[in-house]
Structure formats: C-alpha cells, structure tokens
Amino acid sequence: MYSLGNPEEQTPLSITATAQEYQLTHGIQSIEFQNSGTKDVYFGKLSTLTSARGGVIYAGSNKTFENVGAGWKISFLCATGNTSTLRVIKYL
C-alpha cells in the first residue's frame, strides 16, 4: 500500500476567469486540489489554458498529482463569468 506523507493544508485559492499559476518550491509526495465551489475549474499550462482546452476539476470533486518535483507549475481558471474555490492539501 502506498503511504502518503503528513497532510499540510494550504491557503485556499480563489479561481476566476483569469488564469493563475501555482508553483511548488520543493518536491512533495502528492498534492490534492479540492473544488469546494459550485463551478468547474480548468487546469493546464498558463500560456495555453482555456476552459475549452484544459483538464477539469468538476464542482465538488478533486484532483491529485503524485510525485511532483520542485518547480512544478500548474494553472487554474473558471469559464467566463464564473468563480470557484480550490482547497489545496500537500502531502509531504
């Protein structure tokens, strides 16, 4: 069984229709983004991210990335006119 490190809650991210980048300063075992809002959130590369191209974290669901290294970047946005909130949990 895979053992996650200690969870460390981060400040929630307020997501709007303007893409914002999130970057790790050090490598971690896993990072989880929980969409606690009522609108879908899209993720991908900052320079190419749109709601039509990005991956999606549906309202009320989550997305986990494992074995992410220092300098890892991901960007988030909502569709035009929408906002949502992502909770961030790092597993060290």
Protein backbone atom coordinates (compact mmCIF):
# COMPACT_ATOMS: atom_id res chain seq x y z
CA MET A 1 0.00 0.00 0.00
CA TYR A 2 1.24 3.47 -0.89
CA SER A 3 1.76 5.64 2.19
CA LEU A 4 1.16 9.38 1.88
CA GLY A 5 3.17 11.82 3.91
CA ASN A 6 1.73 14.17 6.50
CA PRO A 7 -1.06 16.38 5.10
CA GLU A 8 -0.41 20.11 5.17
CA GLU A 9 -3.36 22.39 4.36
CA GLN A 10 -2.60 25.47 2.30
CA THR A 11 -4.46 28.74 1.85
CA PRO A 12 -7.46 28.16 -0.48
CA LEU A 13 -7.22 29.57 -4.00
CA SER A 14 -9.94 31.86 -5.33
CA ILE A 15 -10.33 30.98 -9.02
CA THR A 16 -11.75 33.40 -11.60
CA ALA A 17 -11.81 33.59 -15.41
CA THR A 18 -8.25 34.94 -15.32
CA ALA A 19 -5.69 32.11 -15.28
CA GLN A 20 -3.44 31.97 -12.24
CA GLU A 21 -0.35 29.86 -11.80
CA TYR A 22 0.51 27.73 -8.77
CA GLN A 23 4.13 26.60 -8.29
CA LEU A 24 5.83 24.29 -5.82
CA THR A 25 9.10 25.41 -4.30
CA HIS A 26 10.09 21.89 -3.18
CA GLY A 27 9.20 18.34 -4.22
CA ILE A 28 6.39 16.51 -2.42
CA GLN A 29 4.76 13.07 -2.47
CA SER A 30 1.35 14.34 -3.56
CA ILE A 31 -0.80 17.45 -3.90
CA GLU A 32 -4.59 17.49 -3.90
CA PHE A 33 -6.85 20.24 -5.22
CA GLN A 34 -10.45 20.07 -3.93
CA ASN A 35 -13.03 22.15 -5.79
CA SER A 36 -15.21 23.33 -2.92
CA GLY A 37 -17.08 25.83 -5.11
CA THR A 38 -20.14 25.46 -7.32
CA LYS A 39 -18.44 25.99 -10.71
CA ASP A 40 -15.99 23.80 -12.61
CA VAL A 41 -12.28 24.70 -12.57
CA TYR A 42 -9.95 24.06 -15.52
CA PHE A 43 -6.24 23.32 -15.25
CA GLY A 44 -3.25 23.23 -17.57
CA LYS A 45 -0.29 25.29 -18.77
CA LEU A 46 -0.58 29.04 -18.15
CA SER A 47 0.22 30.14 -21.70
CA THR A 48 -2.36 27.87 -23.39
CA LEU A 49 -5.06 27.35 -20.74
CA THR A 50 -8.70 27.95 -21.68
CA SER A 51 -11.93 26.39 -20.46
CA ALA A 52 -12.17 24.63 -23.84
CA ARG A 53 -8.66 23.10 -23.65
CA GLY A 54 -7.85 22.46 -20.02
CA GLY A 55 -8.42 19.45 -17.81
CA VAL A 56 -11.39 19.87 -15.49
CA ILE A 57 -11.99 19.61 -11.76
CA TYR A 58 -15.76 19.46 -11.51
CA ALA A 59 -17.56 21.34 -8.74
CA GLY A 60 -17.46 19.21 -5.59
CA SER A 61 -14.69 16.90 -6.83
CA ASN A 62 -10.90 16.77 -6.53
CA LYS A 63 -7.72 16.12 -8.50
CA THR A 64 -4.50 14.66 -7.10
CA PHE A 65 -1.00 14.77 -8.59
CA GLU A 66 1.69 12.46 -7.23
CA ASN A 67 5.49 12.63 -7.02
CA VAL A 68 5.76 16.24 -8.09
CA GLY A 69 9.14 17.90 -8.06
CA ALA A 70 10.45 21.32 -7.12
CA GLY A 71 9.46 23.98 -9.62
CA TRP A 72 6.33 22.08 -10.77
CA LYS A 73 3.72 24.50 -12.13
CA ILE A 74 0.01 24.28 -12.85
CA SER A 75 -2.52 26.96 -13.71
CA PHE A 76 -6.25 27.24 -13.00
CA LEU A 77 -9.21 29.24 -14.29
CA CYS A 78 -13.01 29.18 -14.48
CA ALA A 79 -15.18 29.80 -17.54
CA THR A 80 -16.03 33.44 -18.26
CA GLY A 81 -18.24 34.94 -15.56
CA ASN A 82 -17.70 32.09 -13.09
CA THR A 83 -15.70 31.81 -9.86
CA SER A 84 -14.84 28.91 -7.57
CA THR A 85 -12.57 27.97 -4.68
CA LEU A 86 -9.86 25.31 -4.60
CA ARG A 87 -8.65 23.86 -1.33
CA VAL A 88 -5.01 22.76 -1.54
CA ILE A 89 -3.52 19.93 0.51
CA LYS A 90 0.14 18.96 0.25
CA TYR A 91 1.31 15.51 1.38
CA LEU A 92 4.95 15.83 2.45
